[in-house]
Amino acid sequence: MHLRLALLITLIVYLQWSVQACEPDQNQRGCKIYGTSCTCGYGCKTEYIYRTRRACLNALRERSSNVCVRMPCVRGNCIQTVQDPGFTCKCEGTGFYGQRCEKACPTEPIRGLVFPHECVVI
């Protein structure tokens, strides 16, 4: 009996902590892709982005096919990932940066702009 009570209290504390981790208007019940499966629960909209398990499973099924075949990167190498949007572009050595390696590297540092690490030539 004491073990059940302790587990219940731990669960309540965890849920309160996880809900407080985001803004009050950003909480929602939904699902997210976790590894190779869909996990549903209550948390931040940015984490539980799928409103239903079906939507999550559809996204997971799409991701199981190689998204890089569609060539989403303008330049660089496409690497498939399990996190949205399902790929990342490696731009190093191309002279470009950005999510899809679509932005030309600046030729000189611009005031107020963080110099993209992909543009650093060693």
N, C-alpha and C. Protein backbone atom coordinates (compact mmCIF):
# COMPACT_ATOMS: atom_id res chain seq x y z
N MET A 1 0.81 -1.18 0.00
CA MET A 1 0.00 0.00 0.00
C MET A 1 0.86 1.26 0.00
N HIS A 2 1.92 1.26 0.81
CA HIS A 2 2.81 2.42 0.88
C HIS A 2 3.55 2.64 -0.44
N LEU A 3 3.89 1.53 -1.10
CA LEU A 3 4.58 1.64 -2.39
C LEU A 3 3.68 2.29 -3.43
N ARG A 4 2.41 1.89 -3.46
CA ARG A 4 1.47 2.49 -4.41
C ARG A 4 1.31 3.99 -4.15
N LEU A 5 1.21 4.36 -2.89
CA LEU A 5 1.07 5.77 -2.53
C LEU A 5 2.30 6.55 -2.95
N ALA A 6 3.47 5.98 -2.71
CA ALA A 6 4.72 6.64 -3.10
C ALA A 6 4.80 6.81 -4.61
N LEU A 7 4.41 5.79 -5.36
CA LEU A 7 4.41 5.88 -6.82
C LEU A 7 3.42 6.92 -7.31
N LEU A 8 2.26 6.99 -6.69
CA LEU A 8 1.26 7.97 -7.08
C LEU A 8 1.76 9.38 -6.82
N ILE A 9 2.35 9.61 -5.67
CA ILE A 9 2.90 10.93 -5.35
C ILE A 9 4.00 11.30 -6.33
N THR A 10 4.88 10.35 -6.65
CA THR A 10 5.96 10.60 -7.61
C THR A 10 5.39 10.97 -8.97
N LEU A 11 4.36 10.27 -9.39
CA LEU A 11 3.73 10.56 -10.68
C LEU A 11 3.11 11.95 -10.68
N ILE A 12 2.43 12.32 -9.63
CA ILE A 12 1.82 13.65 -9.55
C ILE A 12 2.87 14.74 -9.58
N VAL A 13 3.94 14.57 -8.84
CA VAL A 13 5.03 15.56 -8.83
C VAL A 13 5.64 15.67 -10.22
N TYR A 14 5.87 14.53 -10.86
CA TYR A 14 6.46 14.55 -12.21
C TYR A 14 5.54 15.27 -13.18
N LEU A 15 4.24 14.97 -13.14
CA LEU A 15 3.30 15.61 -14.06
C LEU A 15 3.24 17.11 -13.82
N GLN A 16 3.24 17.52 -12.55
CA GLN A 16 3.24 18.95 -12.26
C GLN A 16 4.52 19.61 -12.77
N TRP A 17 5.64 18.95 -12.60
CA TRP A 17 6.92 19.50 -13.08
C TRP A 17 6.93 19.60 -14.59
N SER A 18 6.49 18.54 -15.28
CA SER A 18 6.54 18.55 -16.75
C SER A 18 5.57 19.57 -17.32
N VAL A 19 4.42 19.77 -16.69
CA VAL A 19 3.46 20.74 -17.17
C VAL A 19 3.98 22.16 -16.92
N GLN A 20 4.67 22.38 -15.82
CA GLN A 20 5.19 23.70 -15.50
C GLN A 20 6.39 24.05 -16.37
N ALA A 21 6.93 23.11 -17.11
CA ALA A 21 8.10 23.36 -17.94
C ALA A 21 7.77 24.21 -19.16
N CYS A 22 6.49 24.42 -19.45
CA CYS A 22 6.12 25.26 -20.58
C CYS A 22 5.10 26.30 -20.13
N GLU A 23 4.88 27.27 -20.97
CA GLU A 23 3.93 28.33 -20.67
C GLU A 23 2.53 27.73 -20.47
N PRO A 24 1.71 28.33 -19.60
CA PRO A 24 0.38 27.77 -19.32
C PRO A 24 -0.47 27.53 -20.57
N ASP A 25 -0.40 28.41 -21.55
CA ASP A 25 -1.22 28.22 -22.75
C ASP A 25 -0.56 27.29 -23.77
N GLN A 26 0.58 26.71 -23.42
CA GLN A 26 1.29 25.82 -24.34
C GLN A 26 1.17 24.35 -23.95
N ASN A 27 0.34 24.03 -22.96
CA ASN A 27 0.13 22.63 -22.55
C ASN A 27 -0.92 21.98 -23.43
N GLN A 28 -0.73 20.71 -23.73
CA GLN A 28 -1.74 19.98 -24.48
C GLN A 28 -1.55 18.49 -24.31
N ARG A 29 -2.60 17.76 -24.51
CA ARG A 29 -2.54 16.31 -24.56
C ARG A 29 -2.31 15.95 -26.02
N GLY A 30 -1.34 15.08 -26.27
CA GLY A 30 -1.04 14.70 -27.64
C GLY A 30 -0.02 13.58 -27.68
N CYS A 31 0.61 13.42 -28.82
CA CYS A 31 1.58 12.34 -29.02
C CYS A 31 2.85 12.90 -29.64
N LYS A 32 3.94 12.14 -29.47
CA LYS A 32 5.22 12.51 -30.07
C LYS A 32 5.92 11.24 -30.51
N ILE A 33 6.84 11.41 -31.45
CA ILE A 33 7.66 10.28 -31.88
C ILE A 33 8.82 10.17 -30.91
N TYR A 34 8.95 9.02 -30.31
CA TYR A 34 10.03 8.76 -29.36
C TYR A 34 10.73 7.49 -29.81
N GLY A 35 11.93 7.66 -30.37
CA GLY A 35 12.65 6.50 -30.92
C GLY A 35 11.94 5.98 -32.15
N THR A 36 11.47 4.74 -32.05
CA THR A 36 10.78 4.14 -33.20
C THR A 36 9.30 3.90 -32.92
N SER A 37 8.74 4.64 -31.94
CA SER A 37 7.33 4.46 -31.63
C SER A 37 6.70 5.81 -31.26
N CYS A 38 5.39 5.80 -31.13
CA CYS A 38 4.66 7.00 -30.73
C CYS A 38 4.34 6.90 -29.24
N THR A 39 4.62 7.97 -28.52
CA THR A 39 4.31 8.06 -27.10
C THR A 39 3.30 9.18 -26.92
N CYS A 40 2.23 8.89 -26.21
CA CYS A 40 1.20 9.89 -25.99
C CYS A 40 1.16 10.28 -24.52
N GLY A 41 0.81 11.54 -24.26
CA GLY A 41 0.76 12.03 -22.89
C GLY A 41 0.36 13.48 -22.86
N TYR A 42 0.75 14.16 -21.80
CA TYR A 42 0.39 15.55 -21.59
C TYR A 42 1.67 16.35 -21.41
N GLY A 43 1.82 17.44 -22.16
CA GLY A 43 3.02 18.25 -22.05
C GLY A 43 2.93 19.46 -22.96
N CYS A 44 4.09 19.97 -23.34
CA CYS A 44 4.16 21.17 -24.17
C CYS A 44 3.76 20.87 -25.62
N LYS A 45 3.11 21.84 -26.25
CA LYS A 45 2.71 21.69 -27.65
C LYS A 45 3.92 21.45 -28.55
N THR A 46 5.06 22.03 -28.20
CA THR A 46 6.25 21.87 -29.03
C THR A 46 6.82 20.46 -28.94
N GLU A 47 6.47 19.72 -27.89
CA GLU A 47 6.97 18.36 -27.74
C GLU A 47 5.94 17.34 -28.20
N TYR A 48 4.68 17.53 -27.80
CA TYR A 48 3.60 16.62 -28.19
C TYR A 48 2.87 17.24 -29.38
N ILE A 49 3.52 17.19 -30.53
CA ILE A 49 3.04 17.95 -31.69
C ILE A 49 1.88 17.28 -32.42
N TYR A 50 1.67 15.98 -32.22
CA TYR A 50 0.59 15.28 -32.92
C TYR A 50 -0.62 15.21 -32.00
N ARG A 51 -1.77 15.64 -32.49
CA ARG A 51 -2.98 15.70 -31.67
C ARG A 51 -3.54 14.30 -31.37
N THR A 52 -3.30 13.34 -32.28
CA THR A 52 -3.84 11.99 -32.08
C THR A 52 -2.75 10.95 -32.33
N ARG A 53 -2.99 9.74 -31.81
CA ARG A 53 -2.06 8.64 -32.04
C ARG A 53 -2.00 8.31 -33.53
N ARG A 54 -3.13 8.38 -34.22
CA ARG A 54 -3.16 8.08 -35.66
C ARG A 54 -2.25 9.04 -36.44
N ALA A 55 -2.31 10.34 -36.12
CA ALA A 55 -1.46 11.32 -36.79
C ALA A 55 0.01 11.03 -36.52
N CYS A 56 0.32 10.64 -35.29
CA CYS A 56 1.69 10.31 -34.93
C CYS A 56 2.16 9.07 -35.69
N LEU A 57 1.33 8.04 -35.74
CA LEU A 57 1.69 6.81 -36.45
C LEU A 57 1.88 7.07 -37.94
N ASN A 58 1.04 7.94 -38.52
CA ASN A 58 1.21 8.29 -39.94
C ASN A 58 2.54 8.98 -40.18
N ALA A 59 2.91 9.91 -39.29
CA ALA A 59 4.19 10.59 -39.41
C ALA A 59 5.35 9.61 -39.25
N LEU A 60 5.20 8.68 -38.32
CA LEU A 60 6.24 7.67 -38.10
C LEU A 60 6.39 6.77 -39.31
N ARG A 61 5.27 6.40 -39.92
CA ARG A 61 5.30 5.54 -41.10
C ARG A 61 5.98 6.26 -42.27
N GLU A 62 5.67 7.55 -42.45
CA GLU A 62 6.32 8.34 -43.50
C GLU A 62 7.82 8.43 -43.26
N ARG A 63 8.18 8.57 -41.99
CA ARG A 63 9.59 8.73 -41.65
C ARG A 63 10.37 7.44 -41.88
N SER A 64 9.68 6.29 -41.84
CA SER A 64 10.39 5.04 -42.02
C SER A 64 10.91 4.91 -43.46
N SER A 65 10.31 5.66 -44.37
CA SER A 65 10.88 5.71 -45.71
C SER A 65 11.96 6.79 -45.69
N ASN A 66 12.92 6.69 -46.55
CA ASN A 66 14.06 7.61 -46.52
C ASN A 66 13.66 8.96 -47.11
N VAL A 67 13.49 9.95 -46.24
CA VAL A 67 13.09 11.29 -46.66
C VAL A 67 14.16 11.94 -47.53
N CYS A 68 15.39 11.52 -47.40
CA CYS A 68 16.49 12.11 -48.18
C CYS A 68 16.39 11.79 -49.67
N VAL A 69 15.60 10.77 -50.02
CA VAL A 69 15.40 10.45 -51.44
C VAL A 69 14.75 11.62 -52.17
N ARG A 70 13.93 12.40 -51.44
CA ARG A 70 13.26 13.57 -52.03
C ARG A 70 14.21 14.74 -52.19
N MET A 71 15.46 14.60 -51.74
CA MET A 71 16.51 15.60 -51.87
C MET A 71 16.07 16.96 -51.30
N PRO A 72 15.78 17.03 -49.98
CA PRO A 72 15.34 18.29 -49.38
C PRO A 72 16.46 19.32 -49.23
N CYS A 73 17.71 18.90 -49.29
CA CYS A 73 18.83 19.82 -49.13
C CYS A 73 19.18 20.45 -50.47
N VAL A 74 19.31 21.77 -50.49
CA VAL A 74 19.70 22.46 -51.72
C VAL A 74 21.15 22.10 -52.04
N ARG A 75 21.98 22.06 -51.00
CA ARG A 75 23.39 21.68 -51.12
C ARG A 75 23.73 20.83 -49.90
N GLY A 76 24.89 20.26 -49.87
CA GLY A 76 25.32 19.50 -48.70
C GLY A 76 24.78 18.08 -48.69
N ASN A 77 24.96 17.41 -47.56
CA ASN A 77 24.53 16.02 -47.42
C ASN A 77 23.30 15.92 -46.54
N CYS A 78 22.33 15.15 -46.98
CA CYS A 78 21.11 14.92 -46.23
C CYS A 78 21.30 13.71 -45.32
N ILE A 79 20.91 13.87 -44.05
CA ILE A 79 20.97 12.77 -43.09
C ILE A 79 19.58 12.63 -42.48
N GLN A 80 19.02 11.43 -42.55
CA GLN A 80 17.70 11.18 -42.01
C GLN A 80 17.76 11.16 -40.48
N THR A 81 16.76 11.77 -39.82
CA THR A 81 16.68 11.80 -38.36
C THR A 81 15.29 11.36 -37.92
N VAL A 82 15.15 11.08 -36.62
CA VAL A 82 13.84 10.72 -36.10
C VAL A 82 13.09 11.93 -35.59
N GLN A 83 13.74 13.08 -35.51
CA GLN A 83 13.08 14.29 -35.05
C GLN A 83 12.63 15.12 -36.24
N ASP A 84 11.57 15.91 -36.03
CA ASP A 84 11.06 16.76 -37.11
C ASP A 84 12.14 17.69 -37.62
N PRO A 85 12.24 17.88 -38.90
CA PRO A 85 11.36 17.45 -39.98
C PRO A 85 11.72 16.10 -40.58
N GLY A 86 12.53 15.30 -39.91
CA GLY A 86 12.87 13.97 -40.40
C GLY A 86 14.21 13.91 -41.11
N PHE A 87 14.91 15.03 -41.19
CA PHE A 87 16.22 15.08 -41.83
C PHE A 87 16.99 16.27 -41.32
N THR A 88 18.28 16.25 -41.55
CA THR A 88 19.13 17.41 -41.30
C THR A 88 20.11 17.51 -42.46
N CYS A 89 20.46 18.71 -42.83
CA CYS A 89 21.41 18.93 -43.92
C CYS A 89 22.75 19.33 -43.33
N LYS A 90 23.80 18.65 -43.72
CA LYS A 90 25.15 18.99 -43.29
C LYS A 90 25.77 19.87 -44.37
N CYS A 91 26.00 21.14 -44.03
CA CYS A 91 26.43 22.14 -45.02
C CYS A 91 27.94 22.40 -45.02
N GLU A 92 28.66 21.88 -44.05
CA GLU A 92 30.07 22.20 -43.91
C GLU A 92 30.83 21.99 -45.22
N GLY A 93 31.64 22.98 -45.57
CA GLY A 93 32.47 22.89 -46.77
C GLY A 93 31.77 23.26 -48.06
N THR A 94 30.51 23.69 -47.99
CA THR A 94 29.78 24.03 -49.22
C THR A 94 29.76 25.53 -49.50
N GLY A 95 30.06 26.35 -48.47
CA GLY A 95 29.95 27.80 -48.62
C GLY A 95 28.54 28.29 -48.39
N PHE A 96 27.68 27.40 -47.84
CA PHE A 96 26.29 27.74 -47.57
C PHE A 96 25.91 27.26 -46.17
N TYR A 97 24.82 27.80 -45.63
CA TYR A 97 24.30 27.37 -44.34
C TYR A 97 22.79 27.49 -44.36
N GLY A 98 22.13 27.10 -43.29
CA GLY A 98 20.67 27.15 -43.21
C GLY A 98 20.12 25.75 -43.08
N GLN A 99 18.82 25.64 -42.82
CA GLN A 99 18.21 24.33 -42.62
C GLN A 99 18.40 23.42 -43.83
N ARG A 100 18.40 24.01 -45.02
CA ARG A 100 18.56 23.22 -46.25
C ARG A 100 19.81 23.63 -47.03
N CYS A 101 20.75 24.28 -46.34
CA CYS A 101 21.99 24.78 -46.97
C CYS A 101 21.64 25.73 -48.11
N GLU A 102 20.67 26.62 -47.87
CA GLU A 102 20.17 27.50 -48.92
C GLU A 102 20.69 28.93 -48.83
N LYS A 103 21.37 29.28 -47.74
CA LYS A 103 21.85 30.64 -47.56
C LYS A 103 23.35 30.71 -47.80
N ALA A 104 23.77 31.68 -48.60
CA ALA A 104 25.20 31.85 -48.89
C ALA A 104 25.92 32.36 -47.64
N CYS A 105 27.08 31.82 -47.38
CA CYS A 105 27.88 32.27 -46.23
C CYS A 105 28.31 33.71 -46.45
N PRO A 106 28.32 34.51 -45.39
CA PRO A 106 28.79 35.89 -45.53
C PRO A 106 30.30 35.88 -45.81
N THR A 107 30.74 36.85 -46.60
CA THR A 107 32.16 36.93 -46.92
C THR A 107 32.95 37.62 -45.83
N GLU A 108 32.26 38.39 -44.99
CA GLU A 108 32.90 39.03 -43.84
C GLU A 108 31.87 39.11 -42.72
N PRO A 109 32.33 39.11 -41.48
CA PRO A 109 31.37 39.17 -40.36
C PRO A 109 30.49 40.41 -40.44
N ILE A 110 29.20 40.23 -40.21
CA ILE A 110 28.25 41.33 -40.22
C ILE A 110 27.89 41.66 -38.77
N ARG A 111 27.92 42.92 -38.44
CA ARG A 111 27.64 43.35 -37.07
C ARG A 111 26.25 42.88 -36.63
N GLY A 112 26.21 42.26 -35.46
CA GLY A 112 24.95 41.77 -34.91
C GLY A 112 24.54 40.39 -35.42
N LEU A 113 25.27 39.83 -36.35
CA LEU A 113 24.95 38.50 -36.89
C LEU A 113 25.95 37.49 -36.36
N VAL A 114 25.46 36.42 -35.81
CA VAL A 114 26.34 35.35 -35.37
C VAL A 114 26.84 34.64 -36.62
N PHE A 115 28.15 34.53 -36.74
CA PHE A 115 28.73 33.88 -37.92
C PHE A 115 28.40 32.39 -37.88
N PRO A 116 27.72 31.84 -38.88
CA PRO A 116 27.32 30.43 -38.88
C PRO A 116 28.54 29.51 -38.81
N HIS A 117 28.47 28.51 -37.96
CA HIS A 117 29.61 27.59 -37.80
C HIS A 117 29.89 26.81 -39.09
N GLU A 118 28.89 26.59 -39.92
CA GLU A 118 29.09 25.87 -41.18
C GLU A 118 29.98 26.65 -42.14
N CYS A 119 30.11 27.97 -41.92
CA CYS A 119 30.86 28.84 -42.82
C CYS A 119 32.32 28.99 -42.41
N VAL A 120 32.68 28.48 -41.24
CA VAL A 120 34.05 28.60 -40.78
C VAL A 120 34.92 27.62 -41.55
N VAL A 121 35.97 28.14 -42.16
CA VAL A 121 36.90 27.32 -42.93
C VAL A 121 38.19 27.24 -42.14
N ILE A 122 38.62 26.03 -41.85
CA ILE A 122 39.85 25.84 -41.08
C ILE A 122 40.98 25.40 -42.01
